[in-house]
Amino acid sequence: MAEMPISQALYDRATKVMPGGNTRTTVYMKPHPFYAAHGKGCRLTDAEGVERIDFTNNYNSLIHGHAHDGINEAVHAQIERGSAFPMATEQEIRFAELLCERILSFDQIRFCNSGSEAIMTALKAARAATGKPKIAKCEGAYHGSYDFAEVSLDSTPESWGNADPKSVAYAKGTPQSVLDEVVVIPFNKPEEAERILRENAADLACVLVDLMPNRAGLIPATPTFIAMLKRIRADTNVLIVLDEVITLRLSYGGGQELFGIRPDLSAIGKIIGGGYPVGAVGGTEAVMRVFDPTQGKPLLPHSGTFNANPVTMTAGEAAMQHFTATEIDRLGALGDRARDGVATAFADAGVPGQVTGLGSLFRIHVHNRPLIDYRSSLMTAAEKTLLGSILSHMRDHGIFVNERGVCSLSTPMGDTEIDQFLDCFNNALHTVGDASRAAE
């Protein structure tokens, strides 16, 4: 990272009033984070005045990039009318109608303020609907900052052993009781996962699955894994809860449409907020009735001061109206170009590497191991160093990519931006590769 005196000064101020200088671990970098000044379209300008093409898009949430004119116009008009009320609004009805029309598994929906909240609410709804205490989740999959959803997020070879995946705490202070209520299964290993799920079915409210888990390598679920989930649902009545906070962008009806699975509940967020904080839970009427207050106290009371606030509802409606099937297909084609180009660049540079993802999402890996699940995607210390050097070079040369090498496209992008990304990536590979060979 080149010297950035303004950002360093901001970080020095930040460390005095925030632990570690931030309130968002994901943006932390050494020696200091980047500080944003403004963005427009697919371009982001930092506090030093340096402009980069943004392939992070606020961690996959800005499907239309920064400061989209149509969203801004709708939001400005709503702000003039008010930003939050102690009443329901027509805006939330319109947005609920739009999402229930797009996502076939949604009979009904409820809004909240983040993907983490959506996951938490979906898991609580599954428990309320089934009367069962436990949940199952895939090893290494990230589902936000709810204790139960965090279990075995970053388990390591030291905790793996040779047996089934274990429930491992992510955060210090996680109660043992939380670990006892979470069953961990391996992703994309249907025989092992099915055995574990059937052994625990009597106590399981649901199995929580991301169809292409970001932290676990951005590896798509296989057809045999999907078929296993459907069998479990049919045979045991264990509910399927999909985390579509990121994968909703993969098709008009979400990842579930693309992968051919119809869950009982889904948690969504990110792109449906139009750049504003948002989350939502949708599902079948049979399960969603746990929220219904019309007959007295619901099985699952659910409220929030800013749930379905009209600014977010307005921004979200505008964002999803602009995210058409045509745009989804166009971004998917750009994603294919990017993935093909990354693979070709690795081969041409003689650097070990591959790329995963679908549609408008892809992730860079600096090894050639077969990628199946979290364990196969987990980087060694040397791989982390190599990837870090590649991505740092890219950030220094006009492309903003997060430290995990996960990239997302936005609708302001076209062939020009993909070409610039691939040119920068190719240069980074040759620069870093040459430096590594010289050091040997």
Protein backbone atom coordinates (compact mmCIF):
# COMPACT_ATOMS: atom_id res chain seq x y z
CA MET A 1 0.00 0.00 0.00
CA ALA A 2 1.40 3.37 -1.02
CA GLU A 3 1.69 6.10 1.58
CA MET A 4 -1.72 7.63 2.33
CA PRO A 5 -1.22 10.50 4.79
CA ILE A 6 -4.85 11.62 4.92
CA SER A 7 -6.07 8.08 5.62
CA GLN A 8 -3.33 7.59 8.22
CA ALA A 9 -4.41 10.78 9.97
CA LEU A 10 -8.05 9.66 9.92
CA TYR A 11 -7.05 6.29 11.34
CA ASP A 12 -5.03 7.93 14.11
CA ARG A 13 -8.16 9.87 15.10
CA ALA A 14 -10.32 6.77 14.84
CA THR A 15 -8.18 4.69 17.19
CA LYS A 16 -8.87 7.18 19.99
CA VAL A 17 -12.64 6.73 19.85
CA MET A 18 -13.19 3.23 18.41
CA PRO A 19 -11.53 -0.06 19.41
CA GLY A 20 -8.96 -0.84 16.73
CA GLY A 21 -10.07 2.31 14.93
CA ASN A 22 -13.29 0.95 13.46
CA THR A 23 -16.73 -0.51 14.01
CA ARG A 24 -16.59 -2.90 11.08
CA THR A 25 -13.95 -5.62 11.15
CA THR A 26 -14.28 -6.37 7.43
CA VAL A 27 -12.88 -2.98 6.37
CA TYR A 28 -9.83 -3.17 8.62
CA MET A 29 -6.48 -3.36 6.81
CA LYS A 30 -2.90 -2.81 7.88
CA PRO A 31 -1.44 -0.28 8.34
CA HIS A 32 -4.86 1.41 8.16
CA PRO A 33 -8.15 1.08 6.28
CA PHE A 34 -9.01 2.89 3.09
CA TYR A 35 -11.35 5.82 3.72
CA ALA A 36 -14.03 6.55 1.13
CA ALA A 37 -14.73 10.11 0.03
CA HIS A 38 -17.39 9.54 -2.66
CA GLY A 39 -18.52 7.12 -5.32
CA LYS A 40 -20.45 7.24 -8.56
CA GLY A 41 -21.45 4.29 -10.67
CA CYS A 42 -18.77 1.61 -10.49
CA ARG A 43 -16.04 4.02 -9.41
CA LEU A 44 -15.00 4.80 -5.85
CA THR A 45 -12.75 7.67 -4.75
CA ASP A 46 -10.82 7.49 -1.48
CA ALA A 47 -9.83 10.25 0.93
CA GLU A 48 -6.55 10.79 -0.95
CA GLY A 49 -8.48 11.52 -4.15
CA VAL A 50 -7.53 8.22 -5.82
CA GLU A 51 -10.25 6.73 -8.01
CA ARG A 52 -10.64 2.97 -8.44
CA ILE A 53 -13.11 0.66 -10.13
CA ASP A 54 -15.04 -0.91 -7.27
CA PHE A 55 -15.29 -4.69 -7.46
CA THR A 56 -16.33 -4.99 -3.80
CA ASN A 57 -19.51 -2.88 -3.96
CA ASN A 58 -19.88 -2.65 -0.20
CA TYR A 59 -19.45 -6.41 0.10
CA ASN A 60 -21.80 -7.38 -2.70
CA SER A 61 -24.67 -5.10 -1.68
CA LEU A 62 -24.53 -2.31 -4.31
CA ILE A 63 -25.91 -4.06 -7.36
CA HIS A 64 -26.27 -0.69 -9.12
CA GLY A 65 -23.00 0.74 -7.84
CA HIS A 66 -22.77 4.08 -6.09
CA ALA A 67 -25.26 6.96 -6.14
CA HIS A 68 -27.62 5.52 -8.75
CA ASP A 69 -29.69 8.40 -10.14
CA GLY A 70 -33.02 6.57 -10.13
CA ILE A 71 -32.62 5.37 -6.56
CA ASN A 72 -31.43 8.79 -5.38
CA GLU A 73 -34.39 10.57 -6.96
CA ALA A 74 -36.87 8.21 -5.32
CA VAL A 75 -35.16 8.48 -1.93
CA HIS A 76 -34.91 12.27 -2.03
CA ALA A 77 -38.63 12.51 -2.72
CA GLN A 78 -39.39 10.19 0.20
CA ILE A 79 -37.10 12.03 2.61
CA GLU A 80 -39.11 15.17 1.96
CA ARG A 81 -42.19 13.25 3.17
CA GLY A 82 -40.44 11.70 6.18
CA SER A 83 -37.92 8.98 6.94
CA ALA A 84 -39.58 6.94 9.69
CA PHE A 85 -43.06 6.78 11.20
CA PRO A 86 -44.85 5.06 14.10
CA MET A 87 -47.26 3.72 11.47
CA ALA A 88 -47.20 1.22 8.66
CA THR A 89 -46.74 2.59 5.13
CA GLU A 90 -47.87 1.77 1.62
CA GLN A 91 -44.22 1.59 0.59
CA GLU A 92 -43.67 -1.62 2.56
CA ILE A 93 -46.77 -3.18 0.98
CA ARG A 94 -45.59 -2.35 -2.53
CA PHE A 95 -42.10 -3.69 -1.87
CA ALA A 96 -43.46 -6.85 -0.23
CA GLU A 97 -45.68 -7.42 -3.27
CA LEU A 98 -42.71 -7.00 -5.61
CA LEU A 99 -40.51 -9.47 -3.73
CA CYS A 100 -43.25 -12.06 -3.27
CA GLU A 101 -43.90 -11.89 -7.01
CA ARG A 102 -40.20 -12.42 -7.86
CA ILE A 103 -39.35 -15.18 -5.37
CA LEU A 104 -41.63 -18.17 -5.85
CA SER A 105 -41.13 -19.59 -2.34
CA PHE A 106 -42.37 -16.33 -0.77
CA ASP A 107 -46.02 -16.40 0.19
CA GLN A 108 -45.33 -13.68 2.75
CA ILE A 109 -42.42 -11.56 3.94
CA ARG A 110 -41.25 -9.51 6.93
CA PHE A 111 -38.61 -6.79 6.90
CA CYS A 112 -35.74 -6.03 9.27
CA ASN A 113 -32.50 -4.04 9.02
CA SER A 114 -29.62 -6.37 8.10
CA GLY A 115 -28.76 -9.77 6.75
CA SER A 116 -27.68 -10.84 10.24
CA GLU A 117 -31.11 -9.89 11.60
CA ALA A 118 -32.78 -11.77 8.77
CA ILE A 119 -30.84 -14.96 9.53
CA MET A 120 -31.54 -14.65 13.26
CA THR A 121 -35.23 -14.11 12.61
CA ALA A 122 -35.45 -17.01 10.16
CA LEU A 123 -33.82 -19.42 12.61
CA LYS A 124 -36.13 -18.28 15.42
CA ALA A 125 -39.10 -18.72 13.09
CA ALA A 126 -38.03 -22.28 12.27
CA ARG A 127 -37.82 -23.08 15.97
CA ALA A 128 -41.20 -21.48 16.64
CA ALA A 129 -42.85 -23.35 13.75
CA THR A 130 -41.44 -26.79 14.62
CA GLY A 131 -41.05 -26.63 18.39
CA LYS A 132 -37.56 -28.12 17.97
CA PRO A 133 -34.44 -26.56 19.49
CA LYS A 134 -31.52 -27.35 17.16
CA ILE A 135 -30.34 -26.01 13.84
CA ALA A 136 -27.90 -27.49 11.32
CA LYS A 137 -25.47 -25.45 9.26
CA CYS A 138 -22.54 -26.03 6.92
CA GLU A 139 -18.98 -25.84 8.16
CA GLY A 140 -17.23 -22.60 7.22
CA ALA A 141 -20.35 -20.82 5.98
CA TYR A 142 -20.87 -17.23 7.08
CA HIS A 143 -24.39 -16.26 8.08
CA GLY A 144 -23.95 -12.98 9.96
CA SER A 145 -23.34 -12.18 13.60
CA TYR A 146 -25.89 -14.33 15.45
CA ASP A 147 -24.29 -16.73 17.96
CA PHE A 148 -25.93 -19.83 16.53
CA ALA A 149 -25.16 -18.89 12.92
CA GLU A 150 -21.49 -18.22 13.71
CA VAL A 151 -20.71 -21.74 14.95
CA SER A 152 -17.82 -23.36 13.04
CA LEU A 153 -17.36 -20.31 10.84
CA ASP A 154 -13.57 -20.47 11.03
CA SER A 155 -12.77 -23.94 12.35
CA THR A 156 -9.20 -25.07 11.64
CA PRO A 157 -7.36 -28.35 11.06
CA GLU A 158 -6.54 -28.39 14.77
CA SER A 159 -10.25 -28.77 15.57
CA TRP A 160 -11.21 -31.00 12.64
CA GLY A 161 -9.84 -34.36 13.64
CA ASN A 162 -10.92 -37.33 11.54
CA ALA A 163 -14.54 -37.40 12.64
CA ASP A 164 -17.63 -35.43 11.63
CA PRO A 165 -17.40 -31.62 11.73
CA LYS A 166 -17.55 -30.29 15.26
CA SER A 167 -19.38 -27.31 16.69
CA VAL A 168 -16.58 -24.82 17.25
CA ALA A 169 -17.00 -21.36 18.78
CA TYR A 170 -16.20 -18.37 16.57
CA ALA A 171 -16.24 -15.67 19.25
CA LYS A 172 -14.75 -15.77 22.74
CA GLY A 173 -17.50 -16.20 25.31
CA THR A 174 -19.86 -18.25 23.14
CA PRO A 175 -21.86 -20.37 25.62
CA GLN A 176 -21.47 -24.13 25.45
CA SER A 177 -25.26 -24.29 25.27
CA VAL A 178 -25.10 -22.57 21.87
CA LEU A 179 -22.60 -25.11 20.56
CA ASP A 180 -24.79 -27.93 21.86
CA GLU A 181 -27.75 -26.68 19.80
CA VAL A 182 -25.91 -26.46 16.47
CA VAL A 183 -25.25 -29.50 14.27
CA VAL A 184 -22.47 -28.94 11.73
CA ILE A 185 -22.45 -30.68 8.35
CA PRO A 186 -19.91 -30.69 5.51
CA PHE A 187 -20.88 -28.70 2.42
CA ASN A 188 -21.09 -30.59 -0.87
CA LYS A 189 -20.56 -33.99 0.80
CA PRO A 190 -24.12 -35.30 0.58
CA GLU A 191 -23.61 -38.78 2.03
CA GLU A 192 -21.88 -37.53 5.18
CA ALA A 193 -24.26 -34.61 5.56
CA GLU A 194 -27.35 -36.76 5.10
CA ARG A 195 -26.20 -39.26 7.73
CA ILE A 196 -25.60 -36.47 10.27
CA LEU A 197 -28.92 -34.79 9.52
CA ARG A 198 -30.90 -38.02 9.85
CA GLU A 199 -29.15 -38.87 13.12
CA ASN A 200 -30.25 -35.52 14.57
CA ALA A 201 -33.58 -35.05 12.78
CA ALA A 202 -35.72 -35.55 15.90
CA ASP A 203 -34.26 -32.38 17.43
CA LEU A 204 -33.63 -30.30 14.29
CA ALA A 205 -35.82 -27.32 13.47
CA CYS A 206 -34.01 -26.59 10.23
CA VAL A 207 -30.91 -26.85 8.12
CA LEU A 208 -29.44 -23.47 7.16
CA VAL A 209 -27.70 -23.40 3.78
CA ASP A 210 -26.03 -20.85 1.54
CA LEU A 211 -26.10 -22.24 -2.00
CA MET A 212 -22.72 -20.65 -2.81
CA PRO A 213 -21.10 -19.74 0.52
CA ASN A 214 -18.83 -16.74 0.23
CA ARG A 215 -16.45 -17.47 3.11
CA ALA A 216 -16.33 -21.16 2.24
CA GLY A 217 -14.82 -20.54 -1.18
CA LEU A 218 -17.78 -19.24 -3.25
CA ILE A 219 -18.24 -22.82 -4.45
CA PRO A 220 -21.70 -23.63 -5.84
CA ALA A 221 -23.74 -26.40 -4.24
CA THR A 222 -23.70 -29.57 -6.33
CA PRO A 223 -26.90 -31.16 -7.70
CA THR A 224 -26.37 -34.19 -5.44
CA PHE A 225 -26.13 -31.93 -2.37
CA ILE A 226 -29.33 -30.13 -3.37
CA ALA A 227 -31.09 -33.48 -3.92
CA MET A 228 -30.01 -34.59 -0.45
CA LEU A 229 -31.54 -31.48 1.13
CA LYS A 230 -34.82 -32.16 -0.65
CA ARG A 231 -34.84 -35.78 0.60
CA ILE A 232 -34.22 -34.68 4.16
CA ARG A 233 -37.08 -32.19 3.96
CA ALA A 234 -39.46 -34.78 2.51
CA ASP A 235 -38.52 -37.60 4.89
CA THR A 236 -38.01 -35.78 8.20
CA ASN A 237 -39.90 -32.44 8.01
CA VAL A 238 -36.71 -30.62 8.96
CA LEU A 239 -37.22 -27.18 7.42
CA ILE A 240 -34.89 -25.80 4.77
CA VAL A 241 -33.73 -22.22 5.44
CA LEU A 242 -31.75 -20.60 2.64
CA ASP A 243 -29.33 -17.75 3.20
CA GLU A 244 -29.90 -15.71 0.03
CA VAL A 245 -28.39 -12.50 1.39
CA ILE A 246 -25.75 -12.66 -1.36
CA THR A 247 -27.03 -15.27 -3.83
CA LEU A 248 -30.33 -13.49 -4.52
CA ARG A 249 -28.53 -11.61 -7.32
CA LEU A 250 -27.86 -14.83 -9.29
CA SER A 251 -31.21 -14.90 -11.11
CA TYR A 252 -34.52 -13.04 -11.24
CA GLY A 253 -35.97 -15.33 -8.57
CA GLY A 254 -32.75 -15.73 -6.59
CA GLY A 255 -30.28 -18.55 -6.18
CA GLN A 256 -33.12 -20.90 -5.29
CA GLU A 257 -34.56 -20.47 -8.79
CA LEU A 258 -31.16 -21.10 -10.39
CA PHE A 259 -30.41 -24.18 -8.26
CA GLY A 260 -33.95 -25.55 -8.39
CA ILE A 261 -34.83 -25.74 -4.72
CA ARG A 262 -37.86 -24.32 -2.91
CA PRO A 263 -37.12 -23.61 0.77
CA ASP A 264 -39.50 -23.13 3.67
CA LEU A 265 -37.81 -19.86 4.64
CA SER A 266 -35.22 -17.56 3.09
CA ALA A 267 -33.19 -14.70 4.52
CA ILE A 268 -32.41 -11.90 2.07
CA GLY A 269 -30.69 -8.51 2.28
CA LYS A 270 -27.91 -6.51 0.63
CA ILE A 271 -29.11 -5.75 -2.94
CA ILE A 272 -32.76 -5.38 -1.89
CA GLY A 273 -31.89 -2.24 0.12
CA GLY A 274 -30.73 -0.09 -2.78
CA GLY A 275 -27.72 0.95 -0.72
CA TYR A 276 -29.57 1.29 2.60
CA PRO A 277 -29.60 -1.07 5.62
CA VAL A 278 -32.05 -3.89 5.05
CA GLY A 279 -32.94 -7.50 5.69
CA ALA A 280 -36.03 -9.62 5.15
CA VAL A 281 -37.40 -13.08 5.85
CA GLY A 282 -39.81 -14.69 3.43
CA GLY A 283 -41.39 -18.08 3.17
CA THR A 284 -44.47 -20.23 3.07
CA GLU A 285 -47.65 -19.04 4.73
CA ALA A 286 -47.58 -22.12 6.97
CA VAL A 287 -44.27 -21.09 8.53
CA MET A 288 -44.68 -17.31 8.32
CA ARG A 289 -47.86 -17.45 10.42
CA VAL A 290 -45.62 -17.69 13.53
CA PHE A 291 -45.33 -13.87 13.19
CA ASP A 292 -49.09 -13.24 12.92
CA PRO A 293 -50.38 -11.04 15.81
CA THR A 294 -54.05 -11.03 14.81
CA GLN A 295 -55.07 -13.75 17.28
CA GLY A 296 -53.08 -12.43 20.23
CA LYS A 297 -49.43 -12.83 21.08
CA PRO A 298 -47.75 -14.50 18.08
CA LEU A 299 -45.56 -17.55 18.45
CA LEU A 300 -42.68 -15.28 17.47
CA PRO A 301 -43.13 -11.60 18.32
CA HIS A 302 -41.06 -9.52 15.91
CA SER A 303 -40.58 -5.78 15.77
CA GLY A 304 -37.94 -3.12 15.22
CA THR A 305 -37.99 0.66 15.23
CA PHE A 306 -36.66 0.92 11.68
CA ASN A 307 -38.15 -2.25 10.20
CA ALA A 308 -39.66 -1.41 6.79
CA ASN A 309 -38.78 2.28 7.14
CA PRO A 310 -40.03 4.11 4.05
CA VAL A 311 -36.59 5.28 2.90
CA THR A 312 -35.25 1.74 2.65
CA MET A 313 -38.49 0.45 1.17
CA THR A 314 -38.42 3.17 -1.49
CA ALA A 315 -34.74 2.61 -2.31
CA GLY A 316 -35.23 -1.15 -2.40
CA GLU A 317 -38.24 -0.99 -4.69
CA ALA A 318 -36.35 1.26 -7.12
CA ALA A 319 -33.26 -0.96 -7.01
CA MET A 320 -35.14 -4.17 -7.73
CA GLN A 321 -37.21 -2.58 -10.48
CA HIS A 322 -33.96 -1.66 -12.23
CA PHE A 323 -32.50 -5.13 -11.65
CA THR A 324 -34.27 -6.76 -14.56
CA ALA A 325 -33.84 -10.23 -16.04
CA THR A 326 -32.03 -8.61 -18.96
CA GLU A 327 -29.53 -6.92 -16.65
CA ILE A 328 -29.02 -10.14 -14.69
CA ASP A 329 -28.18 -11.99 -17.91
CA ARG A 330 -25.84 -9.22 -19.04
CA LEU A 331 -23.96 -9.22 -15.72
CA GLY A 332 -23.77 -13.00 -15.84
CA ALA A 333 -22.09 -12.82 -19.26
CA LEU A 334 -19.62 -10.26 -17.88
CA GLY A 335 -18.98 -12.60 -14.97
CA ASP A 336 -18.23 -15.43 -17.38
CA ARG A 337 -15.74 -13.18 -19.19
CA ALA A 338 -14.08 -12.27 -15.91
CA ARG A 339 -13.83 -15.87 -14.73
CA ASP A 340 -12.44 -17.08 -18.06
CA GLY A 341 -9.95 -14.22 -18.07
CA VAL A 342 -8.74 -14.90 -14.54
CA ALA A 343 -8.20 -18.58 -15.35
CA THR A 344 -6.30 -17.70 -18.52
CA ALA A 345 -4.15 -15.16 -16.66
CA PHE A 346 -3.11 -17.75 -14.09
CA ALA A 347 -2.12 -20.17 -16.83
CA ASP A 348 -0.21 -17.55 -18.82
CA ALA A 349 1.69 -16.31 -15.75
CA GLY A 350 2.57 -19.81 -14.54
CA VAL A 351 1.10 -19.02 -11.13
CA PRO A 352 -1.08 -21.65 -9.39
CA GLY A 353 -4.65 -20.47 -9.24
CA GLN A 354 -8.29 -20.86 -10.17
CA VAL A 355 -11.59 -19.00 -9.90
CA THR A 356 -15.00 -19.91 -8.51
CA GLY A 357 -18.45 -18.34 -8.59
CA LEU A 358 -21.48 -17.89 -10.81
CA GLY A 359 -23.27 -14.98 -12.44
CA SER A 360 -22.03 -11.62 -11.20
CA LEU A 361 -19.89 -13.10 -8.40
CA PHE A 362 -16.42 -14.63 -8.53
CA ARG A 363 -13.58 -15.46 -6.15
CA ILE A 364 -9.87 -15.77 -6.82
CA HIS A 365 -7.91 -18.72 -5.35
CA VAL A 366 -4.12 -19.07 -5.51
CA HIS A 367 -3.85 -22.86 -5.56
CA ASN A 368 -4.93 -25.73 -7.81
CA ARG A 369 -6.50 -28.05 -5.24
CA PRO A 370 -9.89 -29.48 -6.19
CA LEU A 371 -12.46 -27.16 -4.60
CA ILE A 372 -15.39 -28.85 -2.92
CA ASP A 373 -16.04 -27.22 0.43
CA TYR A 374 -14.67 -24.99 3.18
CA ARG A 375 -11.77 -27.28 4.04
CA SER A 376 -10.52 -27.53 0.47
CA SER A 377 -10.72 -23.75 0.04
CA LEU A 378 -8.96 -22.81 3.29
CA MET A 379 -5.72 -21.01 2.46
CA THR A 380 -2.30 -21.82 3.87
CA ALA A 381 -0.19 -19.01 5.32
CA ALA A 382 1.87 -18.88 2.11
CA GLU A 383 -1.28 -18.69 -0.01
CA LYS A 384 -2.65 -15.85 2.11
CA THR A 385 0.59 -13.93 1.59
CA LEU A 386 0.56 -14.51 -2.17
CA LEU A 387 -3.10 -13.52 -2.56
CA GLY A 388 -2.55 -10.48 -0.35
CA SER A 389 0.32 -9.32 -2.56
CA ILE A 390 -1.75 -9.74 -5.74
CA LEU A 391 -4.74 -7.86 -4.36
CA SER A 392 -2.59 -5.11 -2.85
CA HIS A 393 -0.98 -4.57 -6.25
CA MET A 394 -4.43 -4.31 -7.82
CA ARG A 395 -5.62 -1.77 -5.26
CA ASP A 396 -2.48 0.27 -5.95
CA HIS A 397 -3.28 0.22 -9.67
CA GLY A 398 -6.91 1.23 -9.89
CA ILE A 399 -8.97 -1.83 -8.91
CA PHE A 400 -10.59 -2.10 -5.49
CA VAL A 401 -10.93 -5.72 -4.34
CA ASN A 402 -11.49 -6.97 -0.81
CA GLU A 403 -8.85 -9.00 1.02
CA ARG A 404 -10.53 -12.36 0.35
CA GLY A 405 -10.46 -11.92 -3.40
CA VAL A 406 -14.26 -11.99 -3.68
CA CYS A 407 -15.49 -9.80 -6.53
CA SER A 408 -18.97 -8.61 -7.43
CA LEU A 409 -20.17 -6.81 -10.51
CA SER A 410 -22.57 -3.88 -10.65
CA THR A 411 -24.88 -2.73 -13.43
CA PRO A 412 -22.76 0.35 -14.35
CA MET A 413 -20.01 -2.06 -15.46
CA GLY A 414 -19.42 -3.22 -19.02
CA ASP A 415 -16.71 -4.84 -21.10
CA THR A 416 -14.37 -1.91 -20.50
CA GLU A 417 -14.32 -2.46 -16.75
CA ILE A 418 -13.80 -6.22 -17.15
CA ASP A 419 -10.89 -5.56 -19.53
CA GLN A 420 -9.33 -3.14 -17.03
CA PHE A 421 -9.75 -5.66 -14.22
CA LEU A 422 -8.13 -8.45 -16.24
CA ASP A 423 -5.24 -6.24 -17.41
CA CYS A 424 -4.57 -5.21 -13.82
CA PHE A 425 -4.87 -8.78 -12.57
CA ASN A 426 -2.51 -10.06 -15.26
CA ASN A 427 0.05 -7.38 -14.39
CA ALA A 428 -0.26 -8.21 -10.71
CA LEU A 429 0.34 -11.90 -11.36
CA HIS A 430 3.47 -11.23 -13.40
CA THR A 431 4.82 -8.66 -10.94
CA VAL A 432 4.20 -10.78 -7.86
CA GLY A 433 5.21 -13.99 -9.60
CA ASP A 434 8.49 -12.51 -10.82
CA ALA A 435 9.23 -11.17 -7.34
CA SER A 436 8.49 -14.57 -5.77
CA ARG A 437 10.77 -16.39 -8.23
CA ALA A 438 13.55 -13.86 -7.67
CA ALA A 439 13.33 -14.40 -3.91
CA GLU A 440 13.67 -18.19 -4.24
